[in-house]
Amino acid sequence: MDEKLSIKVNIADRYYPLKIERKDEEKIRKAARLINEKVLQYKQRYLDKDTQDFLAMAALQFVSKVLELEERFDAGPIEQQVKELSKELEDYIRGE
């Protein structure tokens, strides 16, 4: 049985306790590091905003990128084309 690992991650100077799968630790820590880097970039650029604004902008940027990648790698249209070609080949082989 795979036990959960208890870790604390620092995001924008706040610590969050998490229970995660061991295999996910590196990914979770990297995600927290990327968020912190993005928040720091915003802090340096916009001195009159607060941390909540920086976190919101970081979240918006990361989710926008995820959606862009999902669109780029959407296999739905390709799967549909393969199904159509498969049907055409089957029809041709059967002599229809």
C-alpha atoms as a PDB file:
ATOM      1  CA  MET A   1       0.000   0.000   0.000  1.00  0.00           C
ATOM      2  CA  ASP A   2       1.358   3.392  -1.004  1.00  0.00           C
ATOM      3  CA  GLU A   3       1.418   5.712   1.988  1.00  0.00           C
ATOM      4  CA  LYS A   4       0.858   9.436   1.729  1.00  0.00           C
ATOM      5  CA  LEU A   5       3.757  11.778   2.303  1.00  0.00           C
ATOM      6  CA  SER A   6       3.238  14.876   4.476  1.00  0.00           C
ATOM      7  CA  ILE A   7       5.004  17.955   3.162  1.00  0.00           C
ATOM      8  CA  LYS A   8       4.770  21.713   3.567  1.00  0.00           C
ATOM      9  CA  VAL A   9       5.043  23.939   0.536  1.00  0.00           C
ATOM     10  CA  ASN A  10       5.709  27.651   0.638  1.00  0.00           C
ATOM     11  CA  ILE A  11       3.605  29.703  -1.740  1.00  0.00           C
ATOM     12  CA  ALA A  12       3.900  33.480  -1.543  1.00  0.00           C
ATOM     13  CA  ASP A  13       5.372  33.371   1.971  1.00  0.00           C
ATOM     14  CA  ARG A  14       2.650  31.103   3.368  1.00  0.00           C
ATOM     15  CA  TYR A  15       3.152  27.449   4.210  1.00  0.00           C
ATOM     16  CA  TYR A  16       0.590  24.878   3.175  1.00  0.00           C
ATOM     17  CA  PRO A  17       0.615  21.355   4.626  1.00  0.00           C
ATOM     18  CA  LEU A  18      -0.207  18.697   2.047  1.00  0.00           C
ATOM     19  CA  LYS A  19      -0.572  14.929   2.015  1.00  0.00           C
ATOM     20  CA  ILE A  20       0.552  13.655  -1.359  1.00  0.00           C
ATOM     21  CA  GLU A  21       1.723  10.520  -3.117  1.00  0.00           C
ATOM     22  CA  ARG A  22       5.503  10.162  -2.951  1.00  0.00           C
ATOM     23  CA  LYS A  23       5.668  10.099  -6.737  1.00  0.00           C
ATOM     24  CA  ASP A  24       4.098  13.580  -6.870  1.00  0.00           C
ATOM     25  CA  GLU A  25       6.486  15.329  -4.472  1.00  0.00           C
ATOM     26  CA  GLU A  26       8.899  16.656  -7.084  1.00  0.00           C
ATOM     27  CA  LYS A  27       6.042  17.883  -9.282  1.00  0.00           C
ATOM     28  CA  ILE A  28       4.297  19.651  -6.361  1.00  0.00           C
ATOM     29  CA  ARG A  29       7.504  21.328  -5.198  1.00  0.00           C
ATOM     30  CA  LYS A  30       8.307  22.439  -8.746  1.00  0.00           C
ATOM     31  CA  ALA A  31       4.799  23.870  -9.135  1.00  0.00           C
ATOM     32  CA  ALA A  32       5.195  25.855  -5.900  1.00  0.00           C
ATOM     33  CA  ARG A  33       8.596  27.120  -7.061  1.00  0.00           C
ATOM     34  CA  LEU A  34       7.164  28.258 -10.413  1.00  0.00           C
ATOM     35  CA  ILE A  35       4.299  30.067  -8.677  1.00  0.00           C
ATOM     36  CA  ASN A  36       6.746  31.812  -6.346  1.00  0.00           C
ATOM     37  CA  GLU A  37       8.943  32.857  -9.267  1.00  0.00           C
ATOM     38  CA  LYS A  38       5.950  34.305 -11.108  1.00  0.00           C
ATOM     39  CA  VAL A  39       4.714  36.124  -7.980  1.00  0.00           C
ATOM     40  CA  LEU A  40       8.198  37.600  -7.503  1.00  0.00           C
ATOM     41  CA  GLN A  41       8.213  38.833 -11.106  1.00  0.00           C
ATOM     42  CA  TYR A  42       4.912  40.597 -10.526  1.00  0.00           C
ATOM     43  CA  LYS A  43       6.101  42.033  -7.180  1.00  0.00           C
ATOM     44  CA  GLN A  44       9.116  43.565  -8.881  1.00  0.00           C
ATOM     45  CA  ARG A  45       7.050  44.984 -11.722  1.00  0.00           C
ATOM     46  CA  TYR A  46       3.991  46.281  -9.824  1.00  0.00           C
ATOM     47  CA  LEU A  47       4.964  47.776  -6.481  1.00  0.00           C
ATOM     48  CA  ASP A  48       1.507  49.109  -5.598  1.00  0.00           C
ATOM     49  CA  LYS A  49      -0.357  45.751  -5.668  1.00  0.00           C
ATOM     50  CA  ASP A  50      -0.758  43.130  -2.972  1.00  0.00           C
ATOM     51  CA  THR A  51       0.097  39.446  -2.918  1.00  0.00           C
ATOM     52  CA  GLN A  52      -3.480  38.390  -3.718  1.00  0.00           C
ATOM     53  CA  ASP A  53      -3.250  40.309  -7.001  1.00  0.00           C
ATOM     54  CA  PHE A  54       0.046  38.631  -7.849  1.00  0.00           C
ATOM     55  CA  LEU A  55      -1.355  35.181  -7.078  1.00  0.00           C
ATOM     56  CA  ALA A  56      -4.438  35.867  -9.197  1.00  0.00           C
ATOM     57  CA  MET A  57      -2.322  37.009 -12.138  1.00  0.00           C
ATOM     58  CA  ALA A  58       0.003  34.013 -11.795  1.00  0.00           C
ATOM     59  CA  ALA A  59      -2.997  31.657 -11.716  1.00  0.00           C
ATOM     60  CA  LEU A  60      -4.473  33.334 -14.781  1.00  0.00           C
ATOM     61  CA  GLN A  61      -1.213  33.053 -16.687  1.00  0.00           C
ATOM     62  CA  PHE A  62      -0.647  29.389 -15.787  1.00  0.00           C
ATOM     63  CA  VAL A  63      -4.224  28.315 -16.549  1.00  0.00           C
ATOM     64  CA  SER A  64      -4.144  30.195 -19.865  1.00  0.00           C
ATOM     65  CA  LYS A  65      -1.011  28.247 -20.779  1.00  0.00           C
ATOM     66  CA  VAL A  66      -2.638  24.943 -19.781  1.00  0.00           C
ATOM     67  CA  LEU A  67      -5.669  25.717 -21.965  1.00  0.00           C
ATOM     68  CA  GLU A  68      -3.410  26.656 -24.869  1.00  0.00           C
ATOM     69  CA  LEU A  69      -1.530  23.361 -24.545  1.00  0.00           C
ATOM     70  CA  GLU A  70      -4.789  21.392 -24.291  1.00  0.00           C
ATOM     71  CA  GLU A  71      -5.965  22.996 -27.532  1.00  0.00           C
ATOM     72  CA  ARG A  72      -2.670  22.312 -29.255  1.00  0.00           C
ATOM     73  CA  PHE A  73      -2.608  18.664 -28.241  1.00  0.00           C
ATOM     74  CA  ASP A  74      -6.325  17.932 -28.592  1.00  0.00           C
ATOM     75  CA  ALA A  75      -6.472  14.575 -30.342  1.00  0.00           C
ATOM     76  CA  GLY A  76     -10.248  14.747 -30.908  1.00  0.00           C
ATOM     77  CA  PRO A  77     -10.154  15.998 -34.513  1.00  0.00           C
ATOM     78  CA  ILE A  78      -7.373  13.574 -35.414  1.00  0.00           C
ATOM     79  CA  GLU A  79      -9.278  10.651 -33.902  1.00  0.00           C
ATOM     80  CA  GLN A  80     -12.349  11.623 -35.931  1.00  0.00           C
ATOM     81  CA  GLN A  81     -10.312  11.750 -39.151  1.00  0.00           C
ATOM     82  CA  VAL A  82      -8.791   8.344 -38.401  1.00  0.00           C
ATOM     83  CA  LYS A  83     -12.273   6.873 -37.819  1.00  0.00           C
ATOM     84  CA  GLU A  84     -13.522   8.342 -41.094  1.00  0.00           C
ATOM     85  CA  LEU A  85     -10.518   7.011 -43.022  1.00  0.00           C
ATOM     86  CA  SER A  86     -10.937   3.626 -41.368  1.00  0.00           C
ATOM     87  CA  LYS A  87     -14.567   3.467 -42.434  1.00  0.00           C
ATOM     88  CA  GLU A  88     -13.665   4.494 -45.991  1.00  0.00           C
ATOM     89  CA  LEU A  89     -11.016   1.751 -46.128  1.00  0.00           C
ATOM     90  CA  GLU A  90     -13.418  -0.853 -44.765  1.00  0.00           C
ATOM     91  CA  ASP A  91     -16.060   0.193 -47.300  1.00  0.00           C
ATOM     92  CA  TYR A  92     -13.512   0.015 -50.125  1.00  0.00           C
ATOM     93  CA  ILE A  93     -12.279  -3.431 -49.049  1.00  0.00           C
ATOM     94  CA  ARG A  94     -15.857  -4.729 -48.888  1.00  0.00           C
ATOM     95  CA  GLY A  95     -16.473  -3.308 -52.347  1.00  0.00           C
ATOM     96  CA  GLU A  96     -19.161  -0.856 -51.276  1.00  0.00           C
END
